[in-house]
């Protein structure tokens, strides 16, 4: 399974930028990514603290899609 391809398909489905070259998004998009990443990292920290493997996996997958 090509996870990068799956993430790319997800981003395209939700009209998120998919770049071929490194670059920056709009300020609004950057702020959204930062907000979503903070939320997922907080969820990851809680899941790790509670030794909840399923929630750890969920947070890690969500982070991959946000990135």
N, C-alpha and C. Protein backbone atom coordinates (compact mmCIF):
# COMPACT_ATOMS: atom_id res chain seq x y z
N UNK A 1 0.84 -1.18 0.00
CA UNK A 1 0.00 0.00 0.00
C UNK A 1 0.89 1.24 0.00
N UNK A 2 0.62 2.16 -0.90
CA UNK A 2 1.39 3.39 -1.00
C UNK A 2 0.70 4.49 -0.19
N UNK A 3 1.18 4.68 1.05
CA UNK A 3 0.54 5.64 1.94
C UNK A 3 0.65 7.07 1.42
N UNK A 4 1.77 7.42 0.80
CA UNK A 4 1.91 8.77 0.25
C UNK A 4 0.86 9.03 -0.82
N UNK A 5 0.57 8.02 -1.63
CA UNK A 5 -0.45 8.15 -2.67
C UNK A 5 -1.83 8.34 -2.03
N UNK A 6 -2.10 7.60 -0.97
CA UNK A 6 -3.38 7.73 -0.26
C UNK A 6 -3.54 9.15 0.31
N UNK A 7 -2.47 9.68 0.90
CA UNK A 7 -2.52 11.03 1.45
C UNK A 7 -2.74 12.04 0.32
N UNK A 8 -2.05 11.85 -0.78
CA UNK A 8 -2.22 12.74 -1.93
C UNK A 8 -3.68 12.71 -2.42
N UNK A 9 -4.26 11.52 -2.53
CA UNK A 9 -5.66 11.40 -2.96
C UNK A 9 -6.59 12.11 -1.98
N UNK A 10 -6.31 11.97 -0.69
CA UNK A 10 -7.12 12.64 0.33
C UNK A 10 -7.05 14.15 0.16
N UNK A 11 -5.84 14.66 -0.01
CA UNK A 11 -5.67 16.10 -0.17
C UNK A 11 -6.39 16.60 -1.42
N UNK A 12 -6.28 15.88 -2.49
CA UNK A 12 -6.97 16.28 -3.73
C UNK A 12 -8.49 16.25 -3.55
N UNK A 13 -9.00 15.24 -2.86
CA UNK A 13 -10.44 15.11 -2.65
C UNK A 13 -11.01 16.29 -1.86
N UNK A 14 -10.20 16.86 -0.98
CA UNK A 14 -10.64 17.99 -0.16
C UNK A 14 -10.03 19.31 -0.63
N UNK A 15 -9.61 19.34 -1.89
CA UNK A 15 -9.05 20.54 -2.52
C UNK A 15 -7.92 21.18 -1.71
N UNK A 16 -7.07 20.34 -1.13
CA UNK A 16 -5.89 20.82 -0.42
C UNK A 16 -4.72 20.78 -1.40
N UNK A 17 -3.78 21.69 -1.25
CA UNK A 17 -2.65 21.73 -2.19
C UNK A 17 -1.80 20.46 -2.14
N UNK A 18 -1.41 20.02 -3.30
CA UNK A 18 -0.45 18.91 -3.44
C UNK A 18 0.66 19.46 -4.32
N UNK A 19 1.82 19.65 -3.74
CA UNK A 19 2.92 20.30 -4.45
C UNK A 19 3.90 19.27 -5.00
N UNK A 20 4.42 19.59 -6.15
CA UNK A 20 5.50 18.79 -6.74
C UNK A 20 6.85 19.31 -6.27
N UNK A 21 6.90 20.58 -5.94
CA UNK A 21 8.11 21.25 -5.47
C UNK A 21 7.84 21.84 -4.09
N UNK A 22 8.86 21.98 -3.26
CA UNK A 22 8.66 22.63 -1.96
C UNK A 22 8.13 24.05 -2.14
N UNK A 23 7.26 24.44 -1.24
CA UNK A 23 6.71 25.79 -1.30
C UNK A 23 5.81 26.04 -0.10
N UNK A 24 5.24 27.24 -0.08
CA UNK A 24 4.38 27.63 1.03
C UNK A 24 2.96 27.84 0.56
N UNK A 25 2.03 27.59 1.46
CA UNK A 25 0.61 27.80 1.20
C UNK A 25 0.23 29.21 1.64
N UNK A 26 -1.05 29.51 1.53
CA UNK A 26 -1.56 30.79 2.00
C UNK A 26 -1.43 30.84 3.53
N UNK A 27 -1.49 32.03 4.07
CA UNK A 27 -1.42 32.19 5.53
C UNK A 27 -2.58 31.45 6.19
N UNK A 28 -3.75 31.46 5.58
CA UNK A 28 -4.91 30.77 6.12
C UNK A 28 -4.66 29.26 6.17
N UNK A 29 -4.10 28.70 5.12
CA UNK A 29 -3.81 27.25 5.08
C UNK A 29 -2.74 26.88 6.09
N UNK A 30 -1.71 27.72 6.22
CA UNK A 30 -0.66 27.43 7.21
C UNK A 30 -1.24 27.44 8.62
N UNK A 31 -2.09 28.41 8.91
CA UNK A 31 -2.70 28.50 10.24
C UNK A 31 -3.59 27.28 10.52
N UNK A 32 -4.33 26.83 9.51
CA UNK A 32 -5.17 25.66 9.67
C UNK A 32 -4.32 24.43 9.98
N UNK A 33 -3.25 24.23 9.23
CA UNK A 33 -2.38 23.07 9.47
C UNK A 33 -1.79 23.09 10.88
N UNK A 34 -1.35 24.26 11.32
CA UNK A 34 -0.78 24.38 12.66
C UNK A 34 -1.83 24.05 13.71
N UNK A 35 -3.05 24.57 13.54
CA UNK A 35 -4.12 24.29 14.50
C UNK A 35 -4.44 22.79 14.55
N UNK A 36 -4.55 22.18 13.38
CA UNK A 36 -4.86 20.75 13.32
C UNK A 36 -3.73 19.90 13.90
N UNK A 37 -2.49 20.29 13.60
CA UNK A 37 -1.35 19.55 14.16
C UNK A 37 -1.30 19.64 15.68
N UNK A 38 -1.54 20.83 16.21
CA UNK A 38 -1.55 20.98 17.67
C UNK A 38 -2.61 20.09 18.30
N UNK A 39 -3.79 20.07 17.68
CA UNK A 39 -4.88 19.23 18.20
C UNK A 39 -4.48 17.75 18.19
N UNK A 40 -3.88 17.31 17.11
CA UNK A 40 -3.50 15.90 17.01
C UNK A 40 -2.34 15.55 17.93
N UNK A 41 -1.39 16.45 18.10
CA UNK A 41 -0.28 16.19 19.02
C UNK A 41 -0.80 16.11 20.45
N UNK A 42 -1.76 16.96 20.79
CA UNK A 42 -2.38 16.88 22.12
C UNK A 42 -3.07 15.53 22.30
N UNK A 43 -3.79 15.08 21.27
CA UNK A 43 -4.44 13.78 21.33
C UNK A 43 -3.42 12.65 21.45
N UNK A 44 -2.32 12.78 20.73
CA UNK A 44 -1.25 11.79 20.81
C UNK A 44 -0.66 11.74 22.22
N UNK A 45 -0.40 12.89 22.80
CA UNK A 45 0.18 12.94 24.15
C UNK A 45 -0.75 12.27 25.16
N UNK A 46 -2.04 12.54 25.06
CA UNK A 46 -3.00 11.92 25.97
C UNK A 46 -3.05 10.41 25.77
N UNK A 47 -3.08 9.98 24.52
CA UNK A 47 -3.13 8.55 24.22
C UNK A 47 -1.89 7.84 24.75
N UNK A 48 -0.73 8.47 24.59
CA UNK A 48 0.51 7.87 25.11
C UNK A 48 0.47 7.78 26.64
N UNK A 49 -0.01 8.84 27.27
CA UNK A 49 -0.11 8.86 28.72
C UNK A 49 -1.02 7.75 29.22
N UNK A 50 -2.10 7.50 28.47
CA UNK A 50 -3.08 6.49 28.87
C UNK A 50 -2.77 5.10 28.31
N UNK A 51 -1.63 4.98 27.61
CA UNK A 51 -1.25 3.69 26.99
C UNK A 51 -2.35 3.13 26.09
N UNK A 52 -3.00 4.03 25.34
CA UNK A 52 -4.11 3.64 24.46
C UNK A 52 -3.56 3.49 23.04
N UNK A 53 -3.24 2.27 22.68
CA UNK A 53 -2.59 2.00 21.39
C UNK A 53 -3.45 2.43 20.21
N UNK A 54 -4.74 2.20 20.28
CA UNK A 54 -5.62 2.57 19.18
C UNK A 54 -5.64 4.09 18.97
N UNK A 55 -5.72 4.83 20.05
CA UNK A 55 -5.74 6.30 19.93
C UNK A 55 -4.37 6.85 19.51
N UNK A 56 -3.29 6.17 19.91
CA UNK A 56 -1.96 6.57 19.43
C UNK A 56 -1.90 6.41 17.92
N UNK A 57 -2.34 5.27 17.44
CA UNK A 57 -2.35 5.02 16.01
C UNK A 57 -3.23 6.03 15.28
N UNK A 58 -4.40 6.30 15.82
CA UNK A 58 -5.31 7.28 15.22
C UNK A 58 -4.64 8.65 15.11
N UNK A 59 -4.01 9.10 16.17
CA UNK A 59 -3.36 10.41 16.15
C UNK A 59 -2.21 10.44 15.15
N UNK A 60 -1.42 9.39 15.09
CA UNK A 60 -0.30 9.34 14.15
C UNK A 60 -0.77 9.36 12.70
N UNK A 61 -1.83 8.62 12.42
CA UNK A 61 -2.37 8.62 11.05
C UNK A 61 -2.92 10.01 10.71
N UNK A 62 -3.64 10.61 11.64
CA UNK A 62 -4.17 11.96 11.40
C UNK A 62 -3.05 12.96 11.14
N UNK A 63 -1.97 12.85 11.89
CA UNK A 63 -0.83 13.75 11.70
C UNK A 63 -0.25 13.56 10.30
N UNK A 64 -0.13 12.32 9.86
CA UNK A 64 0.38 12.04 8.51
C UNK A 64 -0.47 12.74 7.45
N UNK A 65 -1.77 12.68 7.61
CA UNK A 65 -2.66 13.30 6.62
C UNK A 65 -2.58 14.82 6.67
N UNK A 66 -2.39 15.38 7.85
CA UNK A 66 -2.27 16.84 7.96
C UNK A 66 -0.99 17.33 7.31
N UNK A 67 0.09 16.56 7.48
CA UNK A 67 1.37 16.96 6.91
C UNK A 67 1.32 16.88 5.40
